[in-house]
Amino acid sequence: MENILISKQELTHLTQEAKRLGATSSAIISSKEIQVKDDLAALCNGEYPCPNYGLAASCPPYVEGPVEFRKWQDQSKYSITVKIELPTSVMFSDERNGVMQLLHQIVAAVEQKAIETGFKNSKGFAGGSCVFGVTS
């Protein structure tokens, strides 16, 4: 029982770290609560493929996809969520890239902190722009 409490306390420290780094909020959830939808991954290289397909290391074909994510999810008990609140107008402006960059930096930093804390199999996943870091 003590190990569970220690882990929960350590997880709480990770949510605090995410907020310190710029997240509006961060929470601990059960990994089983995450919905994995196959059709979202199909958008990358489907009937109307993304013009930037294959250009970013965090996108297909370089990521493992929904099947592999589910395998990881089955082995994971908790996940940390990170939220950055901003006006809708920012999402439709050039400021969007900066926000997506911040999100990726927060998630990468929390992943690293989790590994250092003892959660050795931690993986960070951040959504965002398909054109993140890509200019056209």
N, C-alpha and C. Protein backbone atom coordinates (compact mmCIF):
# COMPACT_ATOMS: atom_id res chain seq x y z
N MET A 1 0.83 -1.19 0.00
CA MET A 1 0.00 0.00 0.00
C MET A 1 0.87 1.25 0.00
N GLU A 2 1.98 1.21 0.72
CA GLU A 2 2.84 2.39 0.80
C GLU A 2 3.41 2.76 -0.58
N ASN A 3 3.79 1.76 -1.39
CA ASN A 3 4.32 2.04 -2.73
C ASN A 3 3.31 2.76 -3.60
N ILE A 4 2.04 2.42 -3.49
CA ILE A 4 1.00 3.08 -4.27
C ILE A 4 0.91 4.54 -3.87
N LEU A 5 0.96 4.81 -2.56
CA LEU A 5 0.90 6.20 -2.09
C LEU A 5 2.10 7.00 -2.55
N ILE A 6 3.27 6.38 -2.48
CA ILE A 6 4.48 7.07 -2.93
C ILE A 6 4.38 7.38 -4.42
N SER A 7 3.91 6.43 -5.20
CA SER A 7 3.78 6.65 -6.63
C SER A 7 2.78 7.76 -6.93
N LYS A 8 1.66 7.77 -6.22
CA LYS A 8 0.67 8.83 -6.42
C LYS A 8 1.28 10.18 -6.07
N GLN A 9 2.05 10.24 -5.00
CA GLN A 9 2.70 11.48 -4.59
C GLN A 9 3.70 11.91 -5.67
N GLU A 10 4.46 10.97 -6.20
CA GLU A 10 5.42 11.28 -7.26
C GLU A 10 4.72 11.74 -8.53
N LEU A 11 3.59 11.13 -8.82
CA LEU A 11 2.81 11.56 -9.98
C LEU A 11 2.30 12.98 -9.80
N THR A 12 1.89 13.32 -8.59
CA THR A 12 1.44 14.68 -8.30
C THR A 12 2.56 15.67 -8.54
N HIS A 13 3.78 15.30 -8.19
CA HIS A 13 4.93 16.17 -8.46
C HIS A 13 5.09 16.41 -9.96
N LEU A 14 4.78 15.40 -10.77
CA LEU A 14 4.88 15.55 -12.22
C LEU A 14 3.83 16.52 -12.76
N THR A 15 2.64 16.49 -12.18
CA THR A 15 1.61 17.44 -12.62
C THR A 15 2.02 18.86 -12.23
N GLN A 16 2.62 18.99 -11.06
CA GLN A 16 3.10 20.31 -10.62
C GLN A 16 4.21 20.81 -11.53
N GLU A 17 5.07 19.91 -11.99
CA GLU A 17 6.15 20.28 -12.91
C GLU A 17 5.58 20.77 -14.23
N ALA A 18 4.55 20.09 -14.74
CA ALA A 18 3.92 20.52 -15.99
C ALA A 18 3.38 21.94 -15.86
N LYS A 19 2.75 22.24 -14.74
CA LYS A 19 2.20 23.58 -14.52
C LYS A 19 3.33 24.61 -14.37
N ARG A 20 4.39 24.23 -13.69
CA ARG A 20 5.53 25.13 -13.54
C ARG A 20 6.12 25.50 -14.90
N LEU A 21 6.08 24.55 -15.83
CA LEU A 21 6.65 24.76 -17.16
C LEU A 21 5.72 25.52 -18.12
N GLY A 22 4.47 25.75 -17.69
CA GLY A 22 3.58 26.55 -18.52
C GLY A 22 2.22 25.97 -18.84
N ALA A 23 1.94 24.76 -18.37
CA ALA A 23 0.62 24.18 -18.60
C ALA A 23 -0.41 24.93 -17.77
N THR A 24 -1.59 25.11 -18.31
CA THR A 24 -2.68 25.72 -17.57
C THR A 24 -3.15 24.79 -16.47
N SER A 25 -3.21 23.49 -16.79
CA SER A 25 -3.57 22.48 -15.80
C SER A 25 -2.94 21.15 -16.19
N SER A 26 -2.90 20.25 -15.23
CA SER A 26 -2.35 18.93 -15.44
C SER A 26 -3.01 18.00 -14.42
N ALA A 27 -3.30 16.77 -14.82
CA ALA A 27 -4.01 15.85 -13.93
C ALA A 27 -3.52 14.42 -14.13
N ILE A 28 -3.75 13.61 -13.11
CA ILE A 28 -3.47 12.18 -13.16
C ILE A 28 -4.77 11.48 -13.54
N ILE A 29 -4.72 10.63 -14.55
CA ILE A 29 -5.90 9.85 -14.94
C ILE A 29 -5.49 8.39 -15.10
N SER A 30 -6.46 7.52 -15.15
CA SER A 30 -6.21 6.12 -15.46
C SER A 30 -5.86 6.04 -16.95
N SER A 31 -4.83 5.30 -17.29
CA SER A 31 -4.46 5.15 -18.71
C SER A 31 -5.58 4.52 -19.52
N LYS A 32 -6.44 3.75 -18.85
CA LYS A 32 -7.56 3.10 -19.54
C LYS A 32 -8.60 4.12 -20.02
N GLU A 33 -8.58 5.35 -19.48
CA GLU A 33 -9.54 6.38 -19.88
C GLU A 33 -9.21 6.98 -21.25
N ILE A 34 -8.02 6.77 -21.75
CA ILE A 34 -7.61 7.36 -23.02
C ILE A 34 -8.25 6.60 -24.17
N GLN A 35 -8.98 7.31 -25.01
CA GLN A 35 -9.61 6.70 -26.17
C GLN A 35 -8.62 6.71 -27.34
N VAL A 36 -8.45 5.56 -27.96
CA VAL A 36 -7.56 5.43 -29.11
C VAL A 36 -8.43 5.18 -30.33
N LYS A 37 -8.35 6.08 -31.29
CA LYS A 37 -9.20 5.97 -32.48
C LYS A 37 -8.34 5.74 -33.72
N ASP A 38 -8.55 4.60 -34.35
CA ASP A 38 -7.78 4.23 -35.53
C ASP A 38 -7.95 5.21 -36.68
N ASP A 39 -9.15 5.77 -36.83
CA ASP A 39 -9.42 6.62 -37.98
C ASP A 39 -8.62 7.92 -37.95
N LEU A 40 -8.18 8.37 -36.78
CA LEU A 40 -7.37 9.59 -36.73
C LEU A 40 -6.01 9.37 -37.38
N ALA A 41 -5.38 8.24 -37.11
CA ALA A 41 -4.09 7.94 -37.71
C ALA A 41 -4.21 7.79 -39.22
N ALA A 42 -5.36 7.32 -39.69
CA ALA A 42 -5.57 7.13 -41.13
C ALA A 42 -5.62 8.47 -41.87
N LEU A 43 -5.89 9.55 -41.17
CA LEU A 43 -5.93 10.87 -41.82
C LEU A 43 -4.57 11.29 -42.36
N CYS A 44 -3.50 10.79 -41.77
CA CYS A 44 -2.16 11.20 -42.17
C CYS A 44 -1.80 10.78 -43.60
N ASN A 45 -2.17 9.57 -43.95
CA ASN A 45 -1.79 9.05 -45.27
C ASN A 45 -2.98 8.35 -45.93
N GLY A 46 -4.15 8.89 -45.73
CA GLY A 46 -5.37 8.29 -46.27
C GLY A 46 -5.68 8.78 -47.67
N GLU A 47 -6.95 8.92 -47.95
CA GLU A 47 -7.41 9.33 -49.28
C GLU A 47 -6.87 10.71 -49.65
N TYR A 48 -6.82 11.61 -48.68
CA TYR A 48 -6.26 12.96 -48.89
C TYR A 48 -5.09 13.13 -47.93
N PRO A 49 -3.93 12.60 -48.29
CA PRO A 49 -2.81 12.58 -47.36
C PRO A 49 -2.31 13.97 -46.99
N CYS A 50 -1.76 14.05 -45.78
CA CYS A 50 -1.15 15.28 -45.30
C CYS A 50 0.03 15.63 -46.21
N PRO A 51 0.14 16.88 -46.64
CA PRO A 51 1.27 17.25 -47.52
C PRO A 51 2.62 17.14 -46.82
N ASN A 52 2.61 17.04 -45.51
CA ASN A 52 3.86 16.93 -44.75
C ASN A 52 4.11 15.52 -44.22
N TYR A 53 3.38 14.54 -44.78
CA TYR A 53 3.54 13.15 -44.35
C TYR A 53 5.00 12.74 -44.44
N GLY A 54 5.51 12.17 -43.33
CA GLY A 54 6.88 11.65 -43.32
C GLY A 54 7.94 12.69 -43.03
N LEU A 55 7.56 13.92 -42.74
CA LEU A 55 8.57 14.98 -42.51
C LEU A 55 8.91 15.21 -41.05
N ALA A 56 8.08 14.75 -40.12
CA ALA A 56 8.33 14.98 -38.70
C ALA A 56 8.49 13.64 -37.97
N ALA A 57 9.47 13.56 -37.09
CA ALA A 57 9.75 12.33 -36.35
C ALA A 57 8.60 11.93 -35.43
N SER A 58 7.72 12.87 -35.07
CA SER A 58 6.61 12.58 -34.17
C SER A 58 5.34 12.20 -34.92
N CYS A 59 5.44 12.01 -36.23
CA CYS A 59 4.27 11.68 -37.05
C CYS A 59 4.52 10.37 -37.80
N PRO A 60 3.44 9.77 -38.34
CA PRO A 60 3.62 8.60 -39.20
C PRO A 60 4.50 8.96 -40.40
N PRO A 61 5.28 8.07 -40.88
CA PRO A 61 5.37 6.65 -40.55
C PRO A 61 6.35 6.35 -39.41
N TYR A 62 6.85 7.35 -38.72
CA TYR A 62 7.87 7.16 -37.69
C TYR A 62 7.31 6.78 -36.33
N VAL A 63 6.03 7.01 -36.07
CA VAL A 63 5.41 6.60 -34.81
C VAL A 63 4.76 5.24 -34.99
N GLU A 64 4.53 4.55 -33.90
CA GLU A 64 4.10 3.16 -33.96
C GLU A 64 2.63 2.95 -34.28
N GLY A 65 1.78 3.93 -34.03
CA GLY A 65 0.37 3.82 -34.39
C GLY A 65 -0.51 3.30 -33.28
N PRO A 66 -1.82 3.24 -33.56
CA PRO A 66 -2.82 2.87 -32.55
C PRO A 66 -2.64 1.48 -31.94
N VAL A 67 -2.25 0.49 -32.73
CA VAL A 67 -2.11 -0.87 -32.21
C VAL A 67 -1.02 -0.92 -31.15
N GLU A 68 0.12 -0.31 -31.43
CA GLU A 68 1.22 -0.30 -30.47
C GLU A 68 0.88 0.57 -29.26
N PHE A 69 0.16 1.68 -29.49
CA PHE A 69 -0.24 2.52 -28.37
C PHE A 69 -1.11 1.72 -27.41
N ARG A 70 -2.02 0.92 -27.93
CA ARG A 70 -2.89 0.12 -27.06
C ARG A 70 -2.08 -0.87 -26.23
N LYS A 71 -1.02 -1.44 -26.81
CA LYS A 71 -0.16 -2.37 -26.06
C LYS A 71 0.50 -1.62 -24.89
N TRP A 72 1.00 -0.42 -25.16
CA TRP A 72 1.60 0.39 -24.09
C TRP A 72 0.53 0.72 -23.05
N GLN A 73 -0.64 1.09 -23.51
CA GLN A 73 -1.74 1.48 -22.63
C GLN A 73 -2.12 0.34 -21.69
N ASP A 74 -2.13 -0.89 -22.18
CA ASP A 74 -2.47 -2.05 -21.36
C ASP A 74 -1.45 -2.29 -20.24
N GLN A 75 -0.23 -1.81 -20.43
CA GLN A 75 0.83 -2.01 -19.44
C GLN A 75 0.98 -0.81 -18.50
N SER A 76 0.23 0.22 -18.73
CA SER A 76 0.36 1.45 -17.96
C SER A 76 -0.86 1.65 -17.07
N LYS A 77 -0.63 2.04 -15.83
CA LYS A 77 -1.74 2.25 -14.90
C LYS A 77 -2.22 3.70 -14.92
N TYR A 78 -1.29 4.64 -14.91
CA TYR A 78 -1.65 6.06 -14.84
C TYR A 78 -1.06 6.84 -16.00
N SER A 79 -1.70 7.94 -16.31
CA SER A 79 -1.19 8.89 -17.30
C SER A 79 -1.33 10.29 -16.73
N ILE A 80 -0.48 11.17 -17.18
CA ILE A 80 -0.53 12.58 -16.79
C ILE A 80 -1.08 13.34 -18.00
N THR A 81 -2.11 14.12 -17.79
CA THR A 81 -2.62 14.97 -18.87
C THR A 81 -2.09 16.38 -18.69
N VAL A 82 -1.91 17.07 -19.80
CA VAL A 82 -1.41 18.44 -19.80
C VAL A 82 -2.35 19.27 -20.67
N LYS A 83 -2.74 20.43 -20.17
CA LYS A 83 -3.66 21.30 -20.90
C LYS A 83 -3.09 22.71 -20.95
N ILE A 84 -3.15 23.31 -22.12
CA ILE A 84 -2.80 24.72 -22.29
C ILE A 84 -4.04 25.41 -22.84
N GLU A 85 -4.63 26.28 -22.04
CA GLU A 85 -5.81 27.02 -22.48
C GLU A 85 -5.37 28.28 -23.21
N LEU A 86 -6.06 28.58 -24.31
CA LEU A 86 -5.78 29.79 -25.05
C LEU A 86 -7.00 30.17 -25.87
N PRO A 87 -7.08 31.42 -26.27
CA PRO A 87 -8.22 31.84 -27.08
C PRO A 87 -8.23 31.13 -28.44
N THR A 88 -9.42 30.87 -28.94
CA THR A 88 -9.56 30.21 -30.24
C THR A 88 -8.80 30.98 -31.32
N SER A 89 -8.80 32.29 -31.22
CA SER A 89 -8.13 33.11 -32.24
C SER A 89 -6.64 32.76 -32.37
N VAL A 90 -6.01 32.33 -31.29
CA VAL A 90 -4.60 31.95 -31.33
C VAL A 90 -4.41 30.69 -32.18
N MET A 91 -5.37 29.76 -32.09
CA MET A 91 -5.27 28.52 -32.87
C MET A 91 -5.36 28.76 -34.37
N PHE A 92 -5.86 29.91 -34.76
CA PHE A 92 -5.99 30.24 -36.18
C PHE A 92 -5.04 31.39 -36.55
N SER A 93 -3.93 31.48 -35.83
CA SER A 93 -2.95 32.53 -36.12
C SER A 93 -1.55 31.93 -36.13
N ASP A 94 -0.58 32.77 -36.43
CA ASP A 94 0.81 32.33 -36.43
C ASP A 94 1.31 31.99 -35.02
N GLU A 95 0.61 32.44 -33.99
CA GLU A 95 0.99 32.13 -32.61
C GLU A 95 0.84 30.64 -32.29
N ARG A 96 0.06 29.95 -33.08
CA ARG A 96 -0.22 28.53 -32.85
C ARG A 96 1.06 27.71 -32.78
N ASN A 97 2.01 27.97 -33.66
CA ASN A 97 3.25 27.18 -33.66
C ASN A 97 4.01 27.32 -32.34
N GLY A 98 4.02 28.51 -31.78
CA GLY A 98 4.69 28.70 -30.49
C GLY A 98 4.02 27.93 -29.37
N VAL A 99 2.70 27.89 -29.39
CA VAL A 99 1.96 27.15 -28.37
C VAL A 99 2.21 25.65 -28.53
N MET A 100 2.20 25.16 -29.76
CA MET A 100 2.47 23.74 -30.00
C MET A 100 3.89 23.38 -29.57
N GLN A 101 4.83 24.28 -29.82
CA GLN A 101 6.21 24.04 -29.39
C GLN A 101 6.28 23.96 -27.86
N LEU A 102 5.59 24.86 -27.17
CA LEU A 102 5.55 24.83 -25.71
C LEU A 102 4.95 23.52 -25.22
N LEU A 103 3.86 23.09 -25.82
CA LEU A 103 3.23 21.82 -25.43
C LEU A 103 4.21 20.66 -25.56
N HIS A 104 4.90 20.59 -26.68
CA HIS A 104 5.87 19.51 -26.89
C HIS A 104 7.01 19.59 -25.89
N GLN A 105 7.47 20.78 -25.57
CA GLN A 105 8.55 20.95 -24.59
C GLN A 105 8.10 20.50 -23.20
N ILE A 106 6.88 20.87 -22.81
CA ILE A 106 6.36 20.46 -21.50
C ILE A 106 6.26 18.95 -21.41
N VAL A 107 5.67 18.33 -22.44
CA VAL A 107 5.49 16.88 -22.43
C VAL A 107 6.85 16.16 -22.39
N ALA A 108 7.81 16.63 -23.17
CA ALA A 108 9.13 16.01 -23.17
C ALA A 108 9.81 16.15 -21.81
N ALA A 109 9.68 17.32 -21.18
CA ALA A 109 10.30 17.56 -19.88
C ALA A 109 9.65 16.69 -18.80
N VAL A 110 8.32 16.55 -18.83
CA VAL A 110 7.62 15.72 -17.85
C VAL A 110 7.98 14.25 -18.05
N GLU A 111 8.10 13.83 -19.31
CA GLU A 111 8.53 12.45 -19.59
C GLU A 111 9.91 12.20 -18.99
N GLN A 112 10.83 13.11 -19.21
CA GLN A 112 12.19 12.95 -18.69
C GLN A 112 12.19 12.91 -17.16
N LYS A 113 11.41 13.79 -16.54
CA LYS A 113 11.31 13.84 -15.08
C LYS A 113 10.71 12.54 -14.54
N ALA A 114 9.71 12.00 -15.24
CA ALA A 114 9.09 10.74 -14.83
C ALA A 114 10.12 9.61 -14.85
N ILE A 115 10.92 9.56 -15.89
CA ILE A 115 11.95 8.52 -15.99
C ILE A 115 12.97 8.67 -14.86
N GLU A 116 13.39 9.90 -14.61
CA GLU A 116 14.34 10.16 -13.52
C GLU A 116 13.75 9.80 -12.15
N THR A 117 12.44 9.95 -12.01
CA THR A 117 11.76 9.66 -10.75
C THR A 117 11.61 8.16 -10.51
N GLY A 118 11.77 7.36 -11.55
CA GLY A 118 11.66 5.92 -11.40
C GLY A 118 10.60 5.26 -12.26
N PHE A 119 9.85 6.07 -12.99
CA PHE A 119 8.86 5.52 -13.92
C PHE A 119 9.58 5.25 -15.25
N LYS A 120 10.36 4.17 -15.26
CA LYS A 120 11.30 3.89 -16.36
C LYS A 120 10.66 3.69 -17.73
N ASN A 121 9.41 3.24 -17.79
CA ASN A 121 8.76 2.98 -19.07
C ASN A 121 7.89 4.14 -19.54
N SER A 122 8.09 5.32 -18.96
CA SER A 122 7.28 6.48 -19.33
C SER A 122 7.51 6.89 -20.77
N LYS A 123 6.42 7.33 -21.39
CA LYS A 123 6.47 7.85 -22.75
C LYS A 123 5.61 9.09 -22.81
N GLY A 124 6.10 10.12 -23.47
CA GLY A 124 5.34 11.35 -23.63
C GLY A 124 4.71 11.41 -25.01
N PHE A 125 3.46 11.82 -25.07
CA PHE A 125 2.75 11.97 -26.33
C PHE A 125 2.11 13.35 -26.35
N ALA A 126 2.36 14.09 -27.41
CA ALA A 126 1.78 15.43 -27.53
C ALA A 126 1.12 15.57 -28.88
N GLY A 127 -0.09 16.04 -28.89
CA GLY A 127 -0.78 16.32 -30.14
C GLY A 127 -0.32 17.66 -30.66
N GLY A 128 -0.87 18.05 -31.73
CA GLY A 128 -0.51 19.37 -32.25
C GLY A 128 -0.65 19.44 -33.74
N SER A 129 0.02 20.40 -34.24
CA SER A 129 -0.07 20.70 -35.66
C SER A 129 0.67 19.66 -36.49
N CYS A 130 0.06 19.24 -37.56
CA CYS A 130 0.74 18.34 -38.49
C CYS A 130 1.90 19.05 -39.17
N VAL A 131 1.87 20.36 -39.16
CA VAL A 131 2.95 21.11 -39.79
C VAL A 131 3.88 21.71 -38.74
N PHE A 132 3.84 21.17 -37.52
CA PHE A 132 4.72 21.64 -36.46
C PHE A 132 6.17 21.53 -36.90
N GLY A 133 6.86 22.62 -36.90
CA GLY A 133 8.27 22.62 -37.24
C GLY A 133 8.55 22.50 -38.73
N VAL A 134 7.54 22.51 -39.55
CA VAL A 134 7.71 22.37 -40.99
C VAL A 134 7.26 23.67 -41.66
N THR A 135 8.06 24.17 -42.54
CA THR A 135 7.65 25.36 -43.29
C THR A 135 7.36 24.96 -44.72
N SER A 136 6.44 25.66 -45.33
CA SER A 136 6.13 25.34 -46.73
C SER A 136 6.18 26.57 -47.57
